[in-house]
PDB file of N, CA and C in Angstrom:
ATOM      1  N   MET A   1       0.851  -1.171   0.005  1.00  0.00           N
ATOM      2  CA  MET A   1       0.000  -0.003   0.004  1.00  0.00           C
ATOM      3  C   MET A   1       0.895   1.232  -0.006  1.00  0.00           C
ATOM      4  N   GLN A   2       0.506   2.224  -0.767  1.00  0.00           N
ATOM      5  CA  GLN A   2       1.259   3.466  -0.833  1.00  0.00           C
ATOM      6  C   GLN A   2       0.353   4.638  -0.484  1.00  0.00           C
ATOM      7  N   ILE A   3       0.956   5.645   0.138  1.00  0.00           N
ATOM      8  CA  ILE A   3       0.225   6.864   0.447  1.00  0.00           C
ATOM      9  C   ILE A   3       1.188   8.033   0.301  1.00  0.00           C
ATOM     10  N   LYS A   4       0.691   9.142  -0.178  1.00  0.00           N
ATOM     11  CA  LYS A   4       1.549  10.312  -0.323  1.00  0.00           C
ATOM     12  C   LYS A   4       1.942  10.814   1.058  1.00  0.00           C
ATOM     13  N   THR A   5       3.177  11.299   1.132  1.00  0.00           N
ATOM     14  CA  THR A   5       3.707  11.770   2.415  1.00  0.00           C
ATOM     15  C   THR A   5       2.867  12.915   2.969  1.00  0.00           C
ATOM     16  N   ASN A   6       2.450  13.835   2.105  1.00  0.00           N
ATOM     17  CA  ASN A   6       1.621  14.963   2.561  1.00  0.00           C
ATOM     18  C   ASN A   6       0.304  14.508   3.151  1.00  0.00           C
ATOM     19  N   GLU A   7      -0.283  13.475   2.543  1.00  0.00           N
ATOM     20  CA  GLU A   7      -1.553  12.941   3.051  1.00  0.00           C
ATOM     21  C   GLU A   7      -1.342  12.282   4.409  1.00  0.00           C
ATOM     22  N   LEU A   8      -0.232  11.575   4.544  1.00  0.00           N
ATOM     23  CA  LEU A   8       0.067  10.929   5.820  1.00  0.00           C
ATOM     24  C   LEU A   8       0.313  11.977   6.909  1.00  0.00           C
ATOM     25  N   ILE A   9       0.983  13.052   6.575  1.00  0.00           N
ATOM     26  CA  ILE A   9       1.208  14.133   7.538  1.00  0.00           C
ATOM     27  C   ILE A   9      -0.129  14.729   7.970  1.00  0.00           C
ATOM     28  N   GLU A  10      -1.064  14.880   7.007  1.00  0.00           N
ATOM     29  CA  GLU A  10      -2.392  15.410   7.357  1.00  0.00           C
ATOM     30  C   GLU A  10      -3.122  14.486   8.314  1.00  0.00           C
ATOM     31  N   ILE A  11      -3.024  13.183   8.069  1.00  0.00           N
ATOM     32  CA  ILE A  11      -3.665  12.204   8.958  1.00  0.00           C
ATOM     33  C   ILE A  11      -3.072  12.307  10.359  1.00  0.00           C
ATOM     34  N   LEU A  12      -1.754  12.449  10.438  1.00  0.00           N
ATOM     35  CA  LEU A  12      -1.103  12.587  11.741  1.00  0.00           C
ATOM     36  C   LEU A  12      -1.523  13.873  12.438  1.00  0.00           C
ATOM     37  N   LYS A  13      -1.666  14.963  11.684  1.00  0.00           N
ATOM     38  CA  LYS A  13      -2.120  16.221  12.289  1.00  0.00           C
ATOM     39  C   LYS A  13      -3.531  16.064  12.851  1.00  0.00           C
ATOM     40  N   ASN A  14      -4.396  15.359  12.122  1.00  0.00           N
ATOM     41  CA  ASN A  14      -5.760  15.134  12.604  1.00  0.00           C
ATOM     42  C   ASN A  14      -5.754  14.291  13.878  1.00  0.00           C
ATOM     43  N   SER A  15      -4.882  13.297  13.916  1.00  0.00           N
ATOM     44  CA  SER A  15      -4.768  12.455  15.115  1.00  0.00           C
ATOM     45  C   SER A  15      -4.264  13.267  16.299  1.00  0.00           C
ATOM     46  N   ARG A  16      -3.295  14.148  16.036  1.00  0.00           N
ATOM     47  CA  ARG A  16      -2.755  14.997  17.102  1.00  0.00           C
ATOM     48  C   ARG A  16      -3.833  15.940  17.631  1.00  0.00           C
ATOM     49  N   THR A  17      -4.611  16.511  16.718  1.00  0.00           N
ATOM     50  CA  THR A  17      -5.701  17.420  17.119  1.00  0.00           C
ATOM     51  C   THR A  17      -6.726  16.677  17.960  1.00  0.00           C
ATOM     52  N   HIS A  18      -7.053  15.457  17.565  1.00  0.00           N
ATOM     53  CA  HIS A  18      -8.002  14.657  18.316  1.00  0.00           C
ATOM     54  C   HIS A  18      -7.486  14.399  19.740  1.00  0.00           C
ATOM     55  N   SER A  19      -6.218  14.047  19.858  1.00  0.00           N
ATOM     56  CA  SER A  19      -5.645  13.789  21.183  1.00  0.00           C
ATOM     57  C   SER A  19      -5.628  15.056  22.024  1.00  0.00           C
ATOM     58  N   LEU A  20      -5.334  16.197  21.412  1.00  0.00           N
ATOM     59  CA  LEU A  20      -5.347  17.467  22.156  1.00  0.00           C
ATOM     60  C   LEU A  20      -6.749  17.768  22.688  1.00  0.00           C
ATOM     61  N   GLU A  21      -7.753  17.512  21.859  1.00  0.00           N
ATOM     62  CA  GLU A  21      -9.140  17.729  22.291  1.00  0.00           C
ATOM     63  C   GLU A  21      -9.522  16.785  23.421  1.00  0.00           C
ATOM     64  N   ARG A  22      -9.080  15.529  23.339  1.00  0.00           N
ATOM     65  CA  ARG A  22      -9.358  14.564  24.398  1.00  0.00           C
ATOM     66  C   ARG A  22      -8.687  14.985  25.705  1.00  0.00           C
ATOM     67  N   ILE A  23      -7.462  15.484  25.614  1.00  0.00           N
ATOM     68  CA  ILE A  23      -6.772  15.945  26.815  1.00  0.00           C
ATOM     69  C   ILE A  23      -7.545  17.082  27.464  1.00  0.00           C
ATOM     70  N   LYS A  24      -8.020  18.029  26.665  1.00  0.00           N
ATOM     71  CA  LYS A  24      -8.787  19.153  27.218  1.00  0.00           C
ATOM     72  C   LYS A  24     -10.035  18.648  27.937  1.00  0.00           C
ATOM     73  N   ALA A  25     -10.744  17.711  27.322  1.00  0.00           N
ATOM     74  CA  ALA A  25     -11.949  17.172  27.915  1.00  0.00           C
ATOM     75  C   ALA A  25     -11.640  16.411  29.207  1.00  0.00           C
ATOM     76  N   LEU A  26     -10.592  15.612  29.176  1.00  0.00           N
ATOM     77  CA  LEU A  26     -10.218  14.837  30.368  1.00  0.00           C
ATOM     78  C   LEU A  26      -9.729  15.742  31.495  1.00  0.00           C
ATOM     79  N   GLU A  27      -8.992  16.794  31.135  1.00  0.00           N
ATOM     80  CA  GLU A  27      -8.534  17.728  32.163  1.00  0.00           C
ATOM     81  C   GLU A  27      -9.697  18.515  32.765  1.00  0.00           C
ATOM     82  N   LEU A  28     -10.733  18.751  31.980  1.00  0.00           N
ATOM     83  CA  LEU A  28     -11.928  19.390  32.515  1.00  0.00           C
ATOM     84  C   LEU A  28     -12.584  18.477  33.545  1.00  0.00           C
ATOM     85  N   ASN A  29     -12.668  17.192  33.254  1.00  0.00           N
ATOM     86  CA  ASN A  29     -13.208  16.228  34.221  1.00  0.00           C
ATOM     87  C   ASN A  29     -12.348  16.183  35.471  1.00  0.00           C
ATOM     88  N   LEU A  30     -11.033  16.215  35.289  1.00  0.00           N
ATOM     89  CA  LEU A  30     -10.114  16.208  36.420  1.00  0.00           C
ATOM     90  C   LEU A  30     -10.316  17.440  37.287  1.00  0.00           C
ATOM     91  N   PHE A  31     -10.525  18.588  36.658  1.00  0.00           N
ATOM     92  CA  PHE A  31     -10.781  19.834  37.378  1.00  0.00           C
ATOM     93  C   PHE A  31     -12.061  19.734  38.210  1.00  0.00           C
ATOM     94  N   LYS A  32     -13.083  19.084  37.666  1.00  0.00           N
ATOM     95  CA  LYS A  32     -14.341  18.930  38.400  1.00  0.00           C
ATOM     96  C   LYS A  32     -14.143  18.077  39.654  1.00  0.00           C
ATOM     97  N   TYR A  33     -13.324  17.024  39.534  1.00  0.00           N
ATOM     98  CA  TYR A  33     -13.023  16.219  40.714  1.00  0.00           C
ATOM     99  C   TYR A  33     -12.296  17.049  41.762  1.00  0.00           C
ATOM    100  N   LYS A  34     -11.362  17.879  41.326  1.00  0.00           N
ATOM    101  CA  LYS A  34     -10.601  18.693  42.272  1.00  0.00           C
ATOM    102  C   LYS A  34     -11.491  19.743  42.939  1.00  0.00           C
ATOM    103  N   GLN A  35     -12.452  20.287  42.186  1.00  0.00           N
ATOM    104  CA  GLN A  35     -13.394  21.256  42.769  1.00  0.00           C
ATOM    105  C   GLN A  35     -14.237  20.616  43.849  1.00  0.00           C
ATOM    106  N   ALA A  36     -14.598  19.381  43.648  1.00  0.00           N
ATOM    107  CA  ALA A  36     -15.445  18.669  44.602  1.00  0.00           C
ATOM    108  C   ALA A  36     -14.626  18.062  45.740  1.00  0.00           C
ATOM    109  N   ASN A  37     -13.315  18.313  45.713  1.00  0.00           N
ATOM    110  CA  ASN A  37     -12.405  17.781  46.734  1.00  0.00           C
ATOM    111  C   ASN A  37     -12.496  16.260  46.851  1.00  0.00           C
ATOM    112  N   THR A  38     -12.612  15.616  45.704  1.00  0.00           N
ATOM    113  CA  THR A  38     -12.613  14.153  45.683  1.00  0.00           C
ATOM    114  C   THR A  38     -11.445  13.672  44.846  1.00  0.00           C
ATOM    115  N   LYS A  39     -11.009  12.472  45.120  1.00  0.00           N
ATOM    116  CA  LYS A  39      -9.886  11.925  44.394  1.00  0.00           C
ATOM    117  C   LYS A  39     -10.368  11.414  43.039  1.00  0.00           C
ATOM    118  N   PRO A  40      -9.721  11.865  41.949  1.00  0.00           N
ATOM    119  CA  PRO A  40     -10.145  11.391  40.629  1.00  0.00           C
ATOM    120  C   PRO A  40      -9.739   9.934  40.426  1.00  0.00           C
ATOM    121  N   PRO A  41     -10.465   9.227  39.594  1.00  0.00           N
ATOM    122  CA  PRO A  41     -10.088   7.840  39.313  1.00  0.00           C
ATOM    123  C   PRO A  41      -8.706   7.787  38.655  1.00  0.00           C
ATOM    124  N   GLN A  42      -7.961   6.777  38.977  1.00  0.00           N
ATOM    125  CA  GLN A  42      -6.623   6.640  38.419  1.00  0.00           C
ATOM    126  C   GLN A  42      -6.688   6.512  36.905  1.00  0.00           C
ATOM    127  N   ARG A  43      -7.720   5.886  36.425  1.00  0.00           N
ATOM    128  CA  ARG A  43      -7.902   5.704  34.979  1.00  0.00           C
ATOM    129  C   ARG A  43      -7.907   7.045  34.245  1.00  0.00           C
ATOM    130  N   LEU A  44      -8.481   8.075  34.865  1.00  0.00           N
ATOM    131  CA  LEU A  44      -8.562   9.394  34.256  1.00  0.00           C
ATOM    132  C   LEU A  44      -7.175   9.981  34.047  1.00  0.00           C
ATOM    133  N   THR A  45      -6.342   9.919  35.055  1.00  0.00           N
ATOM    134  CA  THR A  45      -4.986  10.463  34.925  1.00  0.00           C
ATOM    135  C   THR A  45      -4.147   9.617  33.966  1.00  0.00           C
ATOM    136  N   GLU A  46      -4.400   8.313  33.931  1.00  0.00           N
ATOM    137  CA  GLU A  46      -3.685   7.437  33.004  1.00  0.00           C
ATOM    138  C   GLU A  46      -4.031   7.779  31.556  1.00  0.00           C
ATOM    139  N   ARG A  47      -5.290   8.074  31.310  1.00  0.00           N
ATOM    140  CA  ARG A  47      -5.717   8.413  29.954  1.00  0.00           C
ATOM    141  C   ARG A  47      -5.110   9.728  29.493  1.00  0.00           C
ATOM    142  N   ILE A  48      -5.001  10.693  30.398  1.00  0.00           N
ATOM    143  CA  ILE A  48      -4.370  11.973  30.062  1.00  0.00           C
ATOM    144  C   ILE A  48      -2.904  11.724  29.681  1.00  0.00           C
ATOM    145  N   THR A  49      -2.231  10.933  30.475  1.00  0.00           N
ATOM    146  CA  THR A  49      -0.829  10.608  30.220  1.00  0.00           C
ATOM    147  C   THR A  49      -0.673   9.883  28.883  1.00  0.00           C
ATOM    148  N   THR A  50      -1.560   8.949  28.613  1.00  0.00           N
ATOM    149  CA  THR A  50      -1.505   8.196  27.362  1.00  0.00           C
ATOM    150  C   THR A  50      -1.644   9.118  26.152  1.00  0.00           C
ATOM    151  N   HIS A  51      -2.592  10.043  26.217  1.00  0.00           N
ATOM    152  CA  HIS A  51      -2.790  10.957  25.100  1.00  0.00           C
ATOM    153  C   HIS A  51      -1.574  11.882  24.929  1.00  0.00           C
ATOM    154  N   LYS A  52      -0.966  12.311  26.018  1.00  0.00           N
ATOM    155  CA  LYS A  52       0.227  13.147  25.924  1.00  0.00           C
ATOM    156  C   LYS A  52       1.378  12.383  25.274  1.00  0.00           C
ATOM    157  N   GLU A  53       1.504  11.107  25.599  1.00  0.00           N
ATOM    158  CA  GLU A  53       2.540  10.285  24.970  1.00  0.00           C
ATOM    159  C   GLU A  53       2.267  10.100  23.477  1.00  0.00           C
ATOM    160  N   ARG A  54       1.004   9.945  23.123  1.00  0.00           N
ATOM    161  CA  ARG A  54       0.647   9.811  21.701  1.00  0.00           C
ATOM    162  C   ARG A  54       1.025  11.076  20.930  1.00  0.00           C
ATOM    163  N   ILE A  55       0.780  12.214  21.533  1.00  0.00           N
ATOM    164  CA  ILE A  55       1.099  13.479  20.876  1.00  0.00           C
ATOM    165  C   ILE A  55       2.586  13.574  20.605  1.00  0.00           C
ATOM    166  N   GLU A  56       3.405  13.190  21.573  1.00  0.00           N
ATOM    167  CA  GLU A  56       4.859  13.214  21.383  1.00  0.00           C
ATOM    168  C   GLU A  56       5.277  12.260  20.263  1.00  0.00           C
ATOM    169  N   THR A  57       4.674  11.086  20.206  1.00  0.00           N
ATOM    170  CA  THR A  57       4.984  10.117  19.157  1.00  0.00           C
ATOM    171  C   THR A  57       4.585  10.674  17.794  1.00  0.00           C
ATOM    172  N   ILE A  58       3.421  11.260  17.715  1.00  0.00           N
ATOM    173  CA  ILE A  58       2.941  11.833  16.457  1.00  0.00           C
ATOM    174  C   ILE A  58       3.847  12.965  15.995  1.00  0.00           C
ATOM    175  N   LYS A  59       4.285  13.820  16.918  1.00  0.00           N
ATOM    176  CA  LYS A  59       5.194  14.912  16.554  1.00  0.00           C
ATOM    177  C   LYS A  59       6.496  14.359  15.971  1.00  0.00           C
ATOM    178  N   THR A  60       7.005  13.307  16.594  1.00  0.00           N
ATOM    179  CA  THR A  60       8.244  12.676  16.112  1.00  0.00           C
ATOM    180  C   THR A  60       8.045  12.127  14.699  1.00  0.00           C
ATOM    181  N   LEU A  61       6.933  11.443  14.477  1.00  0.00           N
ATOM    182  CA  LEU A  61       6.643  10.898  13.148  1.00  0.00           C
ATOM    183  C   LEU A  61       6.504  11.999  12.098  1.00  0.00           C
ATOM    184  N   GLU A  62       5.815  13.089  12.468  1.00  0.00           N
ATOM    185  CA  GLU A  62       5.646  14.202  11.535  1.00  0.00           C
ATOM    186  C   GLU A  62       7.011  14.781  11.157  1.00  0.00           C
ATOM    187  N   ASP A  63       7.871  14.987  12.140  1.00  0.00           N
ATOM    188  CA  ASP A  63       9.197  15.542  11.863  1.00  0.00           C
ATOM    189  C   ASP A  63       9.998  14.623  10.955  1.00  0.00           C
ATOM    190  N   GLU A  64       9.953  13.330  11.214  1.00  0.00           N
ATOM    191  CA  GLU A  64      10.682  12.379  10.383  1.00  0.00           C
ATOM    192  C   GLU A  64      10.160  12.388   8.955  1.00  0.00           C
ATOM    193  N   LEU A  65       8.856  12.468   8.790  1.00  0.00           N
ATOM    194  CA  LEU A  65       8.284  12.498   7.448  1.00  0.00           C
ATOM    195  C   LEU A  65       8.640  13.792   6.706  1.00  0.00           C
ATOM    196  N   LYS A  66       8.613  14.907   7.406  1.00  0.00           N
ATOM    197  CA  LYS A  66       8.936  16.192   6.776  1.00  0.00           C
ATOM    198  C   LYS A  66      10.380  16.216   6.303  1.00  0.00           C
ATOM    199  N   HIS A  67      11.278  15.600   7.046  1.00  0.00           N
ATOM    200  CA  HIS A  67      12.695  15.638   6.712  1.00  0.00           C
ATOM    201  C   HIS A  67      13.143  14.469   5.854  1.00  0.00           C
ATOM    202  N   SER A  68      12.250  13.546   5.566  1.00  0.00           N
ATOM    203  CA  SER A  68      12.632  12.356   4.787  1.00  0.00           C
ATOM    204  C   SER A  68      12.817  12.695   3.304  1.00  0.00           C
ATOM    205  N   GLY A  69      12.044  13.610   2.790  1.00  0.00           N
ATOM    206  CA  GLY A  69      12.149  13.953   1.378  1.00  0.00           C
ATOM    207  C   GLY A  69      11.440  12.993   0.449  1.00  0.00           C
ATOM    208  N   ASN A  70      10.806  11.960   0.991  1.00  0.00           N
ATOM    209  CA  ASN A  70      10.087  10.999   0.157  1.00  0.00           C
ATOM    210  C   ASN A  70       8.724  11.561  -0.229  1.00  0.00           C
ATOM    211  N   GLU A  71       8.320  11.309  -1.468  1.00  0.00           N
ATOM    212  CA  GLU A  71       7.027  11.760  -1.928  1.00  0.00           C
ATOM    213  C   GLU A  71       5.939  10.770  -1.574  1.00  0.00           C
ATOM    214  N   VAL A  72       6.340   9.492  -1.479  1.00  0.00           N
ATOM    215  CA  VAL A  72       5.379   8.414  -1.208  1.00  0.00           C
ATOM    216  C   VAL A  72       5.925   7.530  -0.108  1.00  0.00           C
ATOM    217  N   CYS A  73       5.029   7.090   0.783  1.00  0.00           N
ATOM    218  CA  CYS A  73       5.408   6.158   1.839  1.00  0.00           C
ATOM    219  C   CYS A  73       4.774   4.802   1.516  1.00  0.00           C
ATOM    220  N   LYS A  74       5.547   3.729   1.712  1.00  0.00           N
ATOM    221  CA  LYS A  74       5.044   2.389   1.445  1.00  0.00           C
ATOM    222  C   LYS A  74       4.846   1.663   2.751  1.00  0.00           C
ATOM    223  N   PHE A  75       3.773   0.870   2.794  1.00  0.00           N
ATOM    224  CA  PHE A  75       3.471   0.070   3.979  1.00  0.00           C
ATOM    225  C   PHE A  75       3.489  -1.387   3.600  1.00  0.00           C
TER     226      PHE A  75
END
């Protein structure tokens, strides 16, 4: 399977945007727990961490694709 590098970069940008939106939503939930002076579920903080790690991975992939100079990526 082949895909143009620019198209793959766009897909990665969309994935990064989705993760950023999820982090905002999850942090809003975390804020509500803190306002109520209750301990948030561990799963909530784990999901925030997971999305932050995904963003870092996506940024790395985007940089590698931009500097690769390839017009097409093969899978």
